[in-house]
Amino acid sequence: MSLIRRDPVLTTDEAIEYLKISKPTFLKYVHLGRIKAIKAGKGWRILQSELNRFLRGEVSPEATSGPSASAA
């Protein structure tokens, strides 16, 4: 028995269903860096733990180090 807990990888459609948001909103959050995702073919792949982090309101480290974050 493995002690490592697997983190499910979700497709774009699974992620928008999980978050209960529209596809354009999901893609906007990905492009803004609010949700970390990997482009795979024509779609995106997202770890479920990343969606849980987003739902908790935690900020992605990449989102805080962007140009708009340093302009303040």
Foldseek 3Di string as FASTA:
>chain_A
DDPDDDFDKDKLVVLCVVVVHDSVVVVVCCVLVQAPWDDDPPTIIHTPVSSVCSVVVHGDPVNCPDPVNVVD
